[in-house]
N, C-alpha and C. Protein backbone atom coordinates (compact mmCIF):
# COMPACT_ATOMS: atom_id res chain seq x y z
N UNK A 1 325.23 108.35 -36.54
CA UNK A 1 324.53 109.62 -36.82
C UNK A 1 323.32 109.36 -37.71
N UNK A 2 322.14 109.77 -37.22
CA UNK A 2 320.92 109.56 -37.99
C UNK A 2 320.63 110.77 -38.88
N UNK A 3 319.89 110.50 -39.94
CA UNK A 3 319.40 111.57 -40.81
C UNK A 3 317.89 111.66 -40.63
N UNK A 4 317.45 112.84 -40.20
CA UNK A 4 316.04 113.05 -39.86
C UNK A 4 315.49 114.24 -40.63
N UNK A 5 314.34 114.06 -41.26
CA UNK A 5 313.66 115.17 -41.94
C UNK A 5 312.40 115.49 -41.16
N UNK A 6 312.20 116.76 -40.88
CA UNK A 6 311.05 117.19 -40.10
C UNK A 6 310.23 118.22 -40.90
N UNK A 7 308.93 118.01 -40.93
CA UNK A 7 308.04 119.00 -41.52
C UNK A 7 307.39 119.76 -40.36
N UNK A 8 307.73 121.03 -40.24
CA UNK A 8 307.22 121.86 -39.14
C UNK A 8 306.06 122.69 -39.67
N UNK A 9 304.86 122.30 -39.26
CA UNK A 9 303.66 122.96 -39.79
C UNK A 9 303.59 124.44 -39.49
N UNK A 10 303.05 125.19 -40.43
CA UNK A 10 302.87 126.63 -40.22
C UNK A 10 301.98 126.91 -39.03
N UNK A 11 301.04 126.00 -38.75
CA UNK A 11 300.13 126.17 -37.61
C UNK A 11 300.85 126.02 -36.29
N UNK A 12 302.02 125.39 -36.33
CA UNK A 12 302.85 125.25 -35.12
C UNK A 12 303.69 126.52 -34.93
N UNK A 13 304.24 127.01 -36.02
CA UNK A 13 305.09 128.21 -35.97
C UNK A 13 304.26 129.44 -35.60
N UNK A 14 303.10 129.56 -36.26
CA UNK A 14 302.23 130.72 -36.03
C UNK A 14 300.79 130.23 -35.85
N UNK A 15 300.40 129.79 -34.63
CA UNK A 15 299.03 129.34 -34.42
C UNK A 15 298.01 130.46 -34.63
N UNK A 16 298.28 131.59 -34.04
CA UNK A 16 297.53 132.83 -34.28
C UNK A 16 298.53 133.96 -34.48
N UNK A 17 299.39 134.10 -33.48
CA UNK A 17 300.54 134.99 -33.58
C UNK A 17 301.79 134.11 -33.52
N UNK A 18 302.94 134.67 -33.84
CA UNK A 18 304.18 133.91 -33.77
C UNK A 18 304.36 133.39 -32.34
N UNK A 19 304.58 132.06 -32.22
CA UNK A 19 304.70 131.43 -30.91
C UNK A 19 306.16 131.54 -30.43
N UNK A 20 306.49 132.70 -29.91
CA UNK A 20 307.86 132.99 -29.48
C UNK A 20 308.38 131.99 -28.46
N UNK A 21 307.58 131.71 -27.43
CA UNK A 21 308.04 130.82 -26.37
C UNK A 21 308.30 129.41 -26.89
N UNK A 22 307.44 128.95 -27.79
CA UNK A 22 307.63 127.61 -28.37
C UNK A 22 308.90 127.56 -29.20
N UNK A 23 309.08 128.55 -30.06
CA UNK A 23 310.25 128.55 -30.94
C UNK A 23 311.55 128.65 -30.14
N UNK A 24 311.52 129.35 -29.04
CA UNK A 24 312.71 129.48 -28.19
C UNK A 24 313.08 128.12 -27.58
N UNK A 25 312.07 127.36 -27.14
CA UNK A 25 312.31 126.03 -26.58
C UNK A 25 312.67 125.04 -27.68
N UNK A 26 312.03 125.17 -28.84
CA UNK A 26 312.31 124.31 -29.99
C UNK A 26 313.78 124.47 -30.39
N UNK A 27 314.24 125.70 -30.38
CA UNK A 27 315.64 126.01 -30.72
C UNK A 27 316.61 125.22 -29.83
N UNK A 28 316.37 125.23 -28.52
CA UNK A 28 317.26 124.54 -27.59
C UNK A 28 317.32 123.04 -27.89
N UNK A 29 316.15 122.45 -28.15
CA UNK A 29 316.09 121.02 -28.40
C UNK A 29 316.78 120.66 -29.72
N UNK A 30 316.50 121.42 -30.77
CA UNK A 30 317.08 121.14 -32.09
C UNK A 30 318.59 121.33 -32.08
N UNK A 31 319.06 122.37 -31.43
CA UNK A 31 320.51 122.60 -31.35
C UNK A 31 321.20 121.44 -30.64
N UNK A 32 320.53 120.89 -29.65
CA UNK A 32 321.10 119.75 -28.90
C UNK A 32 321.10 118.48 -29.75
N UNK A 33 319.99 118.18 -30.39
CA UNK A 33 319.85 116.96 -31.19
C UNK A 33 320.74 117.00 -32.43
N UNK A 34 320.89 118.18 -33.03
CA UNK A 34 321.66 118.30 -34.27
C UNK A 34 323.17 118.17 -34.07
N UNK A 35 323.63 118.14 -32.84
CA UNK A 35 325.05 117.94 -32.59
C UNK A 35 325.50 116.54 -33.00
N UNK A 36 324.56 115.58 -32.94
CA UNK A 36 324.91 114.20 -33.24
C UNK A 36 324.08 113.60 -34.37
N UNK A 37 323.27 114.44 -35.03
CA UNK A 37 322.41 113.96 -36.11
C UNK A 37 322.33 114.99 -37.23
N UNK A 38 322.04 114.52 -38.43
CA UNK A 38 321.79 115.39 -39.58
C UNK A 38 320.29 115.66 -39.63
N UNK A 39 319.90 116.92 -39.56
CA UNK A 39 318.48 117.28 -39.52
C UNK A 39 318.13 118.30 -40.59
N UNK A 40 317.04 118.02 -41.30
CA UNK A 40 316.47 118.98 -42.25
C UNK A 40 315.07 119.33 -41.76
N UNK A 41 314.81 120.62 -41.57
CA UNK A 41 313.49 121.10 -41.16
C UNK A 41 312.86 121.85 -42.32
N UNK A 42 311.68 121.39 -42.75
CA UNK A 42 310.95 122.05 -43.83
C UNK A 42 309.74 122.74 -43.22
N UNK A 43 309.65 124.05 -43.36
CA UNK A 43 308.58 124.83 -42.74
C UNK A 43 307.38 124.98 -43.66
N UNK A 44 306.20 124.86 -43.07
CA UNK A 44 304.97 125.04 -43.83
C UNK A 44 304.52 126.49 -43.82
N UNK A 45 303.49 126.78 -44.60
CA UNK A 45 302.98 128.15 -44.71
C UNK A 45 301.90 128.49 -43.72
N UNK A 46 301.05 127.49 -43.40
CA UNK A 46 299.99 127.66 -42.40
C UNK A 46 299.08 128.85 -42.65
N UNK A 47 298.72 129.54 -41.57
CA UNK A 47 297.79 130.66 -41.67
C UNK A 47 298.36 131.82 -42.47
N UNK A 48 299.69 131.93 -42.47
CA UNK A 48 300.32 132.99 -43.26
C UNK A 48 299.94 132.82 -44.72
N UNK A 49 300.02 131.57 -45.21
CA UNK A 49 299.67 131.29 -46.60
C UNK A 49 298.17 131.48 -46.84
N UNK A 50 297.36 130.90 -45.94
CA UNK A 50 295.90 130.96 -46.15
C UNK A 50 295.36 132.38 -46.09
N UNK A 51 296.00 133.23 -45.28
CA UNK A 51 295.57 134.63 -45.16
C UNK A 51 295.64 135.34 -46.51
N UNK A 52 296.65 134.99 -47.31
CA UNK A 52 296.83 135.62 -48.62
C UNK A 52 296.12 134.85 -49.73
N UNK A 53 296.03 133.54 -49.59
CA UNK A 53 295.38 132.73 -50.63
C UNK A 53 293.87 132.94 -50.65
N UNK A 54 293.24 133.04 -49.48
CA UNK A 54 291.78 133.13 -49.41
C UNK A 54 291.18 134.24 -50.28
N UNK A 55 291.71 135.48 -50.21
CA UNK A 55 291.13 136.52 -51.07
C UNK A 55 291.39 136.25 -52.55
N UNK A 56 292.50 135.60 -52.88
CA UNK A 56 292.78 135.27 -54.27
C UNK A 56 291.83 134.18 -54.79
N UNK A 57 291.43 133.29 -53.89
CA UNK A 57 290.45 132.27 -54.27
C UNK A 57 289.12 132.92 -54.65
N UNK A 58 288.74 133.96 -53.90
CA UNK A 58 287.49 134.68 -54.20
C UNK A 58 287.57 135.37 -55.56
N UNK A 59 288.78 135.75 -55.94
CA UNK A 59 288.98 136.42 -57.23
C UNK A 59 289.30 135.45 -58.36
N UNK A 60 289.34 134.14 -58.01
CA UNK A 60 289.65 133.10 -59.01
C UNK A 60 290.96 133.43 -59.74
N UNK A 61 291.98 133.76 -58.95
CA UNK A 61 293.26 134.19 -59.50
C UNK A 61 294.02 133.07 -60.22
N UNK A 62 293.71 131.83 -59.91
CA UNK A 62 294.36 130.71 -60.59
C UNK A 62 295.36 129.98 -59.72
N UNK A 63 295.56 128.71 -60.02
CA UNK A 63 296.40 127.84 -59.19
C UNK A 63 297.85 128.31 -59.07
N UNK A 64 298.37 128.92 -60.15
CA UNK A 64 299.76 129.38 -60.10
C UNK A 64 299.91 130.51 -59.08
N UNK A 65 298.96 131.41 -59.05
CA UNK A 65 299.00 132.53 -58.09
C UNK A 65 298.92 132.00 -56.67
N UNK A 66 298.05 131.01 -56.43
CA UNK A 66 297.92 130.44 -55.09
C UNK A 66 299.22 129.75 -54.68
N UNK A 67 299.80 129.00 -55.62
CA UNK A 67 301.02 128.26 -55.32
C UNK A 67 302.19 129.19 -54.99
N UNK A 68 302.32 130.27 -55.75
CA UNK A 68 303.42 131.20 -55.52
C UNK A 68 303.31 131.87 -54.15
N UNK A 69 302.08 132.20 -53.76
CA UNK A 69 301.85 132.78 -52.43
C UNK A 69 302.22 131.76 -51.36
N UNK A 70 301.78 130.52 -51.56
CA UNK A 70 302.07 129.46 -50.59
C UNK A 70 303.56 129.25 -50.42
N UNK A 71 304.28 129.21 -51.52
CA UNK A 71 305.73 129.01 -51.48
C UNK A 71 306.40 130.16 -50.72
N UNK A 72 306.00 131.38 -51.02
CA UNK A 72 306.58 132.56 -50.35
C UNK A 72 306.33 132.50 -48.84
N UNK A 73 305.13 132.05 -48.46
CA UNK A 73 304.78 131.97 -47.03
C UNK A 73 305.66 130.95 -46.31
N UNK A 74 305.90 129.80 -46.96
CA UNK A 74 306.75 128.79 -46.32
C UNK A 74 308.17 129.32 -46.12
N UNK A 75 308.62 130.10 -47.07
CA UNK A 75 310.00 130.60 -47.00
C UNK A 75 310.17 131.71 -45.96
N UNK A 76 309.14 132.53 -45.79
CA UNK A 76 309.26 133.56 -44.74
C UNK A 76 309.17 132.92 -43.36
N UNK A 77 308.36 131.85 -43.24
CA UNK A 77 308.32 131.11 -41.98
C UNK A 77 309.66 130.43 -41.72
N UNK A 78 310.27 129.92 -42.79
CA UNK A 78 311.59 129.28 -42.66
C UNK A 78 312.63 130.31 -42.22
N UNK A 79 312.53 131.52 -42.77
CA UNK A 79 313.44 132.59 -42.36
C UNK A 79 313.31 132.87 -40.85
N UNK A 80 312.08 132.84 -40.37
CA UNK A 80 311.83 133.07 -38.95
C UNK A 80 312.50 131.99 -38.11
N UNK A 81 312.27 130.74 -38.47
CA UNK A 81 312.85 129.61 -37.73
C UNK A 81 314.37 129.63 -37.82
N UNK A 82 314.89 129.93 -39.01
CA UNK A 82 316.34 130.02 -39.19
C UNK A 82 316.94 131.11 -38.29
N UNK A 83 316.21 132.22 -38.17
CA UNK A 83 316.67 133.30 -37.30
C UNK A 83 316.81 132.84 -35.86
N UNK A 84 315.82 132.09 -35.38
CA UNK A 84 315.88 131.56 -34.02
C UNK A 84 317.08 130.63 -33.85
N UNK A 85 317.38 129.87 -34.91
CA UNK A 85 318.47 128.89 -34.85
C UNK A 85 319.83 129.49 -35.21
N UNK A 86 319.84 130.78 -35.48
CA UNK A 86 321.09 131.46 -35.76
C UNK A 86 321.66 131.19 -37.14
N UNK A 87 320.79 130.84 -38.09
CA UNK A 87 321.24 130.56 -39.47
C UNK A 87 320.88 131.77 -40.32
N UNK A 88 321.88 132.45 -40.84
CA UNK A 88 321.62 133.69 -41.58
C UNK A 88 322.01 133.62 -43.06
N UNK A 89 322.60 132.49 -43.50
CA UNK A 89 323.01 132.37 -44.89
C UNK A 89 321.79 132.28 -45.81
N UNK A 90 322.04 132.22 -47.12
CA UNK A 90 320.95 132.11 -48.09
C UNK A 90 320.14 130.84 -47.82
N UNK A 91 318.85 130.93 -48.06
CA UNK A 91 317.96 129.81 -47.81
C UNK A 91 317.95 128.87 -49.02
N UNK A 92 318.09 127.55 -48.82
CA UNK A 92 318.08 126.63 -49.96
C UNK A 92 316.68 126.58 -50.60
N UNK A 93 316.63 126.71 -51.91
CA UNK A 93 315.34 126.76 -52.60
C UNK A 93 315.15 125.61 -53.59
N UNK A 94 316.10 124.65 -53.58
CA UNK A 94 315.95 123.47 -54.43
C UNK A 94 316.67 122.29 -53.76
N UNK A 95 316.45 121.09 -54.29
CA UNK A 95 317.00 119.88 -53.68
C UNK A 95 318.53 119.90 -53.66
N UNK A 96 319.10 120.37 -54.73
CA UNK A 96 320.57 120.40 -54.82
C UNK A 96 321.16 121.25 -53.70
N UNK A 97 320.55 122.40 -53.43
CA UNK A 97 321.04 123.30 -52.38
C UNK A 97 320.87 122.67 -51.00
N UNK A 98 319.75 121.98 -50.79
CA UNK A 98 319.52 121.32 -49.51
C UNK A 98 320.61 120.27 -49.25
N UNK A 99 320.87 119.43 -50.25
CA UNK A 99 321.87 118.38 -50.11
C UNK A 99 323.27 118.94 -49.92
N UNK A 100 323.56 120.03 -50.63
CA UNK A 100 324.86 120.68 -50.49
C UNK A 100 325.05 121.25 -49.09
N UNK A 101 324.02 121.91 -48.57
CA UNK A 101 324.10 122.49 -47.23
C UNK A 101 324.23 121.41 -46.17
N UNK A 102 323.55 120.29 -46.38
CA UNK A 102 323.57 119.21 -45.40
C UNK A 102 324.95 118.54 -45.32
N UNK A 103 325.70 118.58 -46.41
CA UNK A 103 327.06 118.05 -46.39
C UNK A 103 327.96 118.90 -45.51
N UNK A 104 327.68 120.21 -45.49
CA UNK A 104 328.52 121.14 -44.73
C UNK A 104 328.09 121.28 -43.28
N UNK A 105 326.78 121.18 -43.05
CA UNK A 105 326.23 121.41 -41.71
C UNK A 105 325.30 120.27 -41.30
N UNK A 106 325.09 120.17 -40.00
CA UNK A 106 324.17 119.14 -39.48
C UNK A 106 322.72 119.60 -39.49
N UNK A 107 322.50 120.90 -39.68
CA UNK A 107 321.15 121.43 -39.61
C UNK A 107 320.83 122.32 -40.81
N UNK A 108 319.76 121.97 -41.52
CA UNK A 108 319.30 122.74 -42.68
C UNK A 108 317.83 123.08 -42.47
N UNK A 109 317.47 124.33 -42.73
CA UNK A 109 316.07 124.77 -42.60
C UNK A 109 315.64 125.43 -43.90
N UNK A 110 314.51 125.01 -44.44
CA UNK A 110 314.02 125.58 -45.69
C UNK A 110 312.49 125.62 -45.70
N UNK A 111 311.95 126.23 -46.77
CA UNK A 111 310.52 126.20 -47.00
C UNK A 111 310.27 125.29 -48.18
N UNK A 112 309.24 125.57 -48.95
CA UNK A 112 308.96 124.78 -50.15
C UNK A 112 310.09 124.92 -51.16
N UNK A 113 310.33 123.86 -51.93
CA UNK A 113 311.46 123.86 -52.86
C UNK A 113 311.07 124.28 -54.28
N UNK A 114 309.82 124.53 -54.51
CA UNK A 114 309.41 124.95 -55.85
C UNK A 114 307.96 124.56 -56.10
N UNK A 115 307.48 124.94 -57.26
CA UNK A 115 306.07 124.72 -57.58
C UNK A 115 305.87 123.38 -58.30
N UNK A 116 305.12 122.49 -57.67
CA UNK A 116 304.74 121.22 -58.29
C UNK A 116 303.25 121.02 -58.07
N UNK A 117 302.57 120.63 -59.11
CA UNK A 117 301.12 120.47 -59.04
C UNK A 117 300.71 119.48 -57.95
N UNK A 118 299.79 119.93 -57.10
CA UNK A 118 299.25 119.05 -56.07
C UNK A 118 300.18 118.78 -54.90
N UNK A 119 301.23 119.57 -54.75
CA UNK A 119 302.19 119.30 -53.67
C UNK A 119 302.36 120.51 -52.76
N UNK A 120 302.42 120.23 -51.47
CA UNK A 120 302.69 121.27 -50.47
C UNK A 120 304.12 121.10 -49.96
N UNK A 121 304.49 121.88 -48.97
CA UNK A 121 305.83 121.76 -48.38
C UNK A 121 306.01 120.38 -47.73
N UNK A 122 304.92 119.75 -47.31
CA UNK A 122 305.01 118.40 -46.76
C UNK A 122 305.57 117.45 -47.82
N UNK A 123 305.09 117.60 -49.05
CA UNK A 123 305.58 116.77 -50.14
C UNK A 123 307.06 116.99 -50.38
N UNK A 124 307.49 118.24 -50.30
CA UNK A 124 308.92 118.54 -50.44
C UNK A 124 309.73 117.87 -49.34
N UNK A 125 309.19 117.87 -48.12
CA UNK A 125 309.88 117.25 -46.99
C UNK A 125 310.05 115.75 -47.23
N UNK A 126 309.01 115.11 -47.76
CA UNK A 126 309.08 113.68 -48.05
C UNK A 126 310.08 113.42 -49.17
N UNK A 127 310.09 114.30 -50.17
CA UNK A 127 311.07 114.17 -51.26
C UNK A 127 312.50 114.23 -50.71
N UNK A 128 312.74 115.15 -49.80
CA UNK A 128 314.06 115.28 -49.20
C UNK A 128 314.41 114.01 -48.43
N UNK A 129 313.44 113.50 -47.66
CA UNK A 129 313.67 112.27 -46.90
C UNK A 129 314.08 111.13 -47.82
N UNK A 130 313.45 111.06 -48.98
CA UNK A 130 313.78 110.03 -49.96
C UNK A 130 315.17 110.24 -50.55
N UNK A 131 315.47 111.48 -50.92
CA UNK A 131 316.73 111.81 -51.59
C UNK A 131 317.96 111.58 -50.70
N UNK A 132 317.81 111.85 -49.41
CA UNK A 132 318.96 111.71 -48.51
C UNK A 132 318.95 110.38 -47.74
N UNK A 133 317.95 109.52 -48.08
CA UNK A 133 317.82 108.23 -47.38
C UNK A 133 317.71 108.43 -45.87
N UNK A 134 316.78 109.28 -45.48
CA UNK A 134 316.59 109.59 -44.06
C UNK A 134 316.17 108.34 -43.28
N UNK A 135 316.57 108.30 -42.03
CA UNK A 135 316.17 107.19 -41.17
C UNK A 135 314.67 107.24 -40.92
N UNK A 136 314.14 108.45 -40.80
CA UNK A 136 312.69 108.60 -40.70
C UNK A 136 312.29 110.05 -40.97
N UNK A 137 311.01 110.21 -41.25
CA UNK A 137 310.42 111.52 -41.52
C UNK A 137 309.42 111.82 -40.41
N UNK A 138 309.49 113.01 -39.84
CA UNK A 138 308.59 113.42 -38.77
C UNK A 138 307.72 114.58 -39.22
N UNK A 139 306.42 114.42 -39.12
CA UNK A 139 305.50 115.52 -39.43
C UNK A 139 304.99 116.09 -38.12
N UNK A 140 305.36 117.35 -37.84
CA UNK A 140 304.96 118.02 -36.59
C UNK A 140 303.76 118.89 -36.88
N UNK A 141 302.66 118.61 -36.22
CA UNK A 141 301.42 119.30 -36.52
C UNK A 141 300.76 119.82 -35.25
N UNK A 142 299.53 120.31 -35.36
CA UNK A 142 298.86 120.89 -34.19
C UNK A 142 297.90 119.92 -33.51
N UNK A 143 297.95 118.63 -33.92
CA UNK A 143 297.17 117.58 -33.25
C UNK A 143 298.13 116.44 -32.92
N UNK A 144 297.65 115.44 -32.17
CA UNK A 144 298.53 114.38 -31.67
C UNK A 144 298.97 113.37 -32.72
N UNK A 145 298.30 113.36 -33.88
CA UNK A 145 298.65 112.39 -34.91
C UNK A 145 297.54 112.28 -35.93
N UNK A 146 297.44 111.11 -36.55
CA UNK A 146 296.39 110.85 -37.52
C UNK A 146 295.17 110.29 -36.81
N UNK A 147 294.01 110.82 -37.13
CA UNK A 147 292.77 110.36 -36.50
C UNK A 147 291.85 109.72 -37.55
N UNK A 148 290.90 108.95 -37.06
CA UNK A 148 289.97 108.28 -37.98
C UNK A 148 288.95 109.25 -38.58
N UNK A 149 288.86 110.45 -38.02
CA UNK A 149 288.03 111.53 -38.57
C UNK A 149 288.56 112.84 -38.01
N UNK A 150 287.93 113.93 -38.36
CA UNK A 150 288.38 115.24 -37.88
C UNK A 150 288.64 115.18 -36.37
N UNK A 151 289.89 115.43 -35.94
CA UNK A 151 290.22 115.31 -34.51
C UNK A 151 289.47 116.27 -33.60
N UNK A 152 288.85 117.28 -34.18
CA UNK A 152 288.11 118.24 -33.38
C UNK A 152 286.65 117.81 -33.16
N UNK A 153 286.28 116.69 -33.78
CA UNK A 153 284.93 116.15 -33.62
C UNK A 153 284.91 115.14 -32.49
N UNK A 154 283.90 115.18 -31.67
CA UNK A 154 283.78 114.26 -30.54
C UNK A 154 283.78 112.81 -31.04
N UNK A 155 284.54 111.98 -30.37
CA UNK A 155 284.60 110.56 -30.73
C UNK A 155 285.73 110.20 -31.68
N UNK A 156 286.48 111.21 -32.15
CA UNK A 156 287.62 110.93 -33.05
C UNK A 156 288.68 110.14 -32.28
N UNK A 157 289.22 109.11 -32.93
CA UNK A 157 290.20 108.25 -32.28
C UNK A 157 291.56 108.34 -32.97
N UNK A 158 292.60 108.40 -32.16
CA UNK A 158 293.96 108.45 -32.68
C UNK A 158 294.34 107.09 -33.27
N UNK A 159 294.88 107.12 -34.49
CA UNK A 159 295.37 105.91 -35.14
C UNK A 159 296.85 105.79 -34.81
N UNK A 160 297.22 104.82 -33.99
CA UNK A 160 298.60 104.70 -33.54
C UNK A 160 299.51 104.13 -34.62
N UNK A 161 299.00 103.22 -35.43
CA UNK A 161 299.79 102.62 -36.51
C UNK A 161 298.90 102.41 -37.73
N UNK A 162 299.47 102.61 -38.92
CA UNK A 162 298.73 102.41 -40.16
C UNK A 162 299.74 102.04 -41.25
N UNK A 163 299.37 101.14 -42.15
CA UNK A 163 300.30 100.77 -43.21
C UNK A 163 300.21 101.76 -44.37
N UNK A 164 301.19 101.66 -45.27
CA UNK A 164 301.28 102.62 -46.38
C UNK A 164 300.02 102.63 -47.25
N UNK A 165 299.50 101.46 -47.58
CA UNK A 165 298.34 101.36 -48.46
C UNK A 165 297.10 102.01 -47.84
N UNK A 166 296.84 101.68 -46.58
CA UNK A 166 295.66 102.23 -45.91
C UNK A 166 295.77 103.74 -45.73
N UNK A 167 296.98 104.21 -45.47
CA UNK A 167 297.17 105.66 -45.32
C UNK A 167 296.90 106.38 -46.64
N UNK A 168 297.43 105.83 -47.73
CA UNK A 168 297.20 106.44 -49.04
C UNK A 168 295.72 106.45 -49.39
N UNK A 169 295.03 105.35 -49.10
CA UNK A 169 293.58 105.29 -49.36
C UNK A 169 292.84 106.38 -48.58
N UNK A 170 293.25 106.59 -47.36
CA UNK A 170 292.62 107.59 -46.50
C UNK A 170 292.84 109.00 -47.05
N UNK A 171 294.07 109.28 -47.47
CA UNK A 171 294.40 110.61 -47.98
C UNK A 171 293.73 110.87 -49.34
N UNK A 172 293.60 109.85 -50.15
CA UNK A 172 293.01 110.01 -51.49
C UNK A 172 291.54 110.41 -51.46
N UNK A 173 290.91 110.25 -50.32
CA UNK A 173 289.51 110.63 -50.18
C UNK A 173 289.34 112.14 -49.99
N UNK A 174 290.47 112.82 -49.80
CA UNK A 174 290.44 114.27 -49.56
C UNK A 174 290.85 115.01 -50.83
N UNK A 175 290.07 115.95 -51.26
CA UNK A 175 290.37 116.72 -52.46
C UNK A 175 291.44 117.76 -52.16
N UNK A 176 292.49 117.78 -52.98
CA UNK A 176 293.58 118.74 -52.78
C UNK A 176 293.12 120.15 -53.11
N UNK A 177 293.61 121.11 -52.31
CA UNK A 177 293.38 122.52 -52.64
C UNK A 177 294.53 123.34 -52.08
N UNK A 178 294.78 124.50 -52.67
CA UNK A 178 295.87 125.36 -52.22
C UNK A 178 295.64 125.76 -50.77
N UNK A 179 296.73 125.76 -49.98
CA UNK A 179 296.61 126.11 -48.57
C UNK A 179 295.99 125.02 -47.74
N UNK A 180 295.92 123.83 -48.29
CA UNK A 180 295.29 122.68 -47.64
C UNK A 180 295.80 122.50 -46.21
N UNK A 181 294.87 122.24 -45.28
CA UNK A 181 295.23 122.01 -43.88
C UNK A 181 294.81 120.60 -43.50
N UNK A 182 295.75 119.68 -43.65
CA UNK A 182 295.51 118.30 -43.25
C UNK A 182 296.85 117.71 -42.87
N UNK A 183 296.84 116.51 -42.30
CA UNK A 183 298.07 115.88 -41.81
C UNK A 183 299.15 115.86 -42.88
N UNK A 184 298.85 115.31 -44.05
CA UNK A 184 299.80 115.27 -45.18
C UNK A 184 299.01 115.33 -46.48
N UNK A 185 299.64 115.81 -47.55
CA UNK A 185 298.93 115.88 -48.83
C UNK A 185 299.04 114.57 -49.60
N UNK A 186 298.30 114.48 -50.71
CA UNK A 186 298.26 113.26 -51.50
C UNK A 186 299.62 112.90 -52.09
N UNK A 187 300.35 113.92 -52.56
CA UNK A 187 301.67 113.68 -53.14
C UNK A 187 302.60 113.06 -52.09
N UNK A 188 302.52 113.56 -50.87
CA UNK A 188 303.35 113.03 -49.78
C UNK A 188 303.03 111.56 -49.53
N UNK A 189 301.73 111.25 -49.45
CA UNK A 189 301.31 109.88 -49.17
C UNK A 189 301.80 108.91 -50.25
N UNK A 190 301.76 109.34 -51.50
CA UNK A 190 302.22 108.49 -52.60
C UNK A 190 303.72 108.25 -52.51
N UNK A 191 304.48 109.30 -52.19
CA UNK A 191 305.93 109.17 -52.08
C UNK A 191 306.32 108.30 -50.88
N UNK A 192 305.59 108.46 -49.78
CA UNK A 192 305.86 107.66 -48.58
C UNK A 192 305.68 106.18 -48.90
N UNK A 193 304.60 105.86 -49.61
CA UNK A 193 304.34 104.47 -49.98
C UNK A 193 305.37 103.96 -50.98
N UNK A 194 305.62 104.73 -52.03
CA UNK A 194 306.54 104.31 -53.09
C UNK A 194 307.95 104.03 -52.56
N UNK A 195 308.43 104.90 -51.67
CA UNK A 195 309.80 104.78 -51.17
C UNK A 195 309.91 104.14 -49.80
N UNK A 196 308.75 103.69 -49.28
CA UNK A 196 308.72 103.00 -47.97
C UNK A 196 309.44 103.82 -46.90
N UNK A 197 309.02 105.08 -46.79
CA UNK A 197 309.65 105.99 -45.83
C UNK A 197 308.94 105.88 -44.47
N UNK A 198 309.68 105.53 -43.45
CA UNK A 198 309.10 105.47 -42.11
C UNK A 198 308.67 106.88 -41.72
N UNK A 199 307.39 107.02 -41.41
CA UNK A 199 306.82 108.34 -41.14
C UNK A 199 306.17 108.38 -39.77
N UNK A 200 306.47 109.42 -39.03
CA UNK A 200 305.92 109.60 -37.69
C UNK A 200 305.17 110.92 -37.64
N UNK A 201 303.93 110.87 -37.17
CA UNK A 201 303.12 112.09 -37.06
C UNK A 201 302.91 112.39 -35.57
N UNK A 202 303.31 113.58 -35.16
CA UNK A 202 303.24 113.94 -33.75
C UNK A 202 302.78 115.38 -33.57
N UNK A 203 302.41 115.70 -32.35
CA UNK A 203 302.03 117.08 -32.04
C UNK A 203 303.28 117.91 -31.78
N UNK A 204 303.09 119.18 -31.55
CA UNK A 204 304.19 120.11 -31.31
C UNK A 204 304.80 119.96 -29.91
N UNK A 205 304.15 119.21 -29.03
CA UNK A 205 304.58 119.09 -27.64
C UNK A 205 306.03 118.62 -27.59
N UNK A 206 306.90 119.44 -27.04
CA UNK A 206 308.33 119.22 -27.16
C UNK A 206 308.86 118.01 -26.40
N UNK A 207 308.30 117.71 -25.27
CA UNK A 207 308.76 116.54 -24.52
C UNK A 207 308.51 115.27 -25.34
N UNK A 208 307.35 115.21 -25.95
CA UNK A 208 307.00 114.06 -26.80
C UNK A 208 307.87 114.03 -28.05
N UNK A 209 308.09 115.19 -28.66
CA UNK A 209 308.93 115.27 -29.85
C UNK A 209 310.36 114.83 -29.53
N UNK A 210 310.83 115.17 -28.35
CA UNK A 210 312.16 114.76 -27.93
C UNK A 210 312.27 113.24 -27.88
N UNK A 211 311.21 112.58 -27.43
CA UNK A 211 311.19 111.11 -27.39
C UNK A 211 311.28 110.54 -28.81
N UNK A 212 310.57 111.17 -29.74
CA UNK A 212 310.61 110.74 -31.14
C UNK A 212 312.04 110.79 -31.67
N UNK A 213 312.69 111.92 -31.47
CA UNK A 213 314.03 112.13 -32.02
C UNK A 213 315.08 111.25 -31.36
N UNK A 214 314.79 110.79 -30.16
CA UNK A 214 315.72 109.90 -29.45
C UNK A 214 315.37 108.42 -29.63
N UNK A 215 314.32 108.15 -30.43
CA UNK A 215 313.94 106.78 -30.69
C UNK A 215 313.20 106.10 -29.54
N UNK A 216 312.59 106.90 -28.66
CA UNK A 216 311.86 106.36 -27.52
C UNK A 216 310.35 106.26 -27.83
N UNK A 217 309.61 105.60 -26.97
CA UNK A 217 308.17 105.45 -27.16
C UNK A 217 307.51 106.82 -27.06
N UNK A 218 306.59 107.12 -27.96
CA UNK A 218 305.98 108.44 -28.03
C UNK A 218 304.49 108.33 -28.34
N UNK A 219 303.79 109.44 -28.16
CA UNK A 219 302.38 109.50 -28.51
C UNK A 219 302.26 110.08 -29.91
N UNK A 220 301.59 109.36 -30.80
CA UNK A 220 301.43 109.82 -32.17
C UNK A 220 301.08 108.68 -33.09
N UNK A 221 301.39 108.83 -34.36
CA UNK A 221 301.07 107.83 -35.37
C UNK A 221 302.33 107.39 -36.12
N UNK A 222 302.44 106.09 -36.33
CA UNK A 222 303.54 105.53 -37.13
C UNK A 222 302.95 105.01 -38.44
N UNK A 223 303.48 105.49 -39.56
CA UNK A 223 303.07 105.01 -40.88
C UNK A 223 304.20 104.15 -41.43
N UNK A 224 303.89 102.90 -41.75
CA UNK A 224 304.94 102.02 -42.24
C UNK A 224 304.52 100.57 -42.31
């Protein structure tokens, strides 16, 4: 039985509107995979978070206000995903609760675990991967993986493999901000390097994600 931590980006859950058809298919795959594996899914805030953070940024409301909005957004997205998966109990809001729930069940879904400077829900997902000694961490995003530049710019190339040091150097060139939309945040990259966590970055495409979870060859990026 493998232990897998997945960061499900808010942009995947709600690209513009809630992606009902995707979540319905995601549910079938996760329910199948979780029968023989321990899985933790950490949901991001995505556009839900940015929709509320943007006006607060204009008002210079402060980092704590932005963080609290972001955390709330991840948790409401987690509630949505949990609903699809038929999980109605209280949502785990700290590491202890996540670990406790994982002992009882094969599938745990949560949002951000609390407010930490410079960290998004991705960082929480990496923390969980470290704490439970996960076999690997999967970051599910709206692009195919890590690119050498903005993937929406012509000529951007997919990086299939990258080592921990080079990945951290790449991430450190990006300034952190609340509601940040990038593959992973700086805190995540540091934790991945420090704990040597095998990290896979893939798109939301379910056939490809299924290959990842089954240990088969897939399209995306391997950090390690």
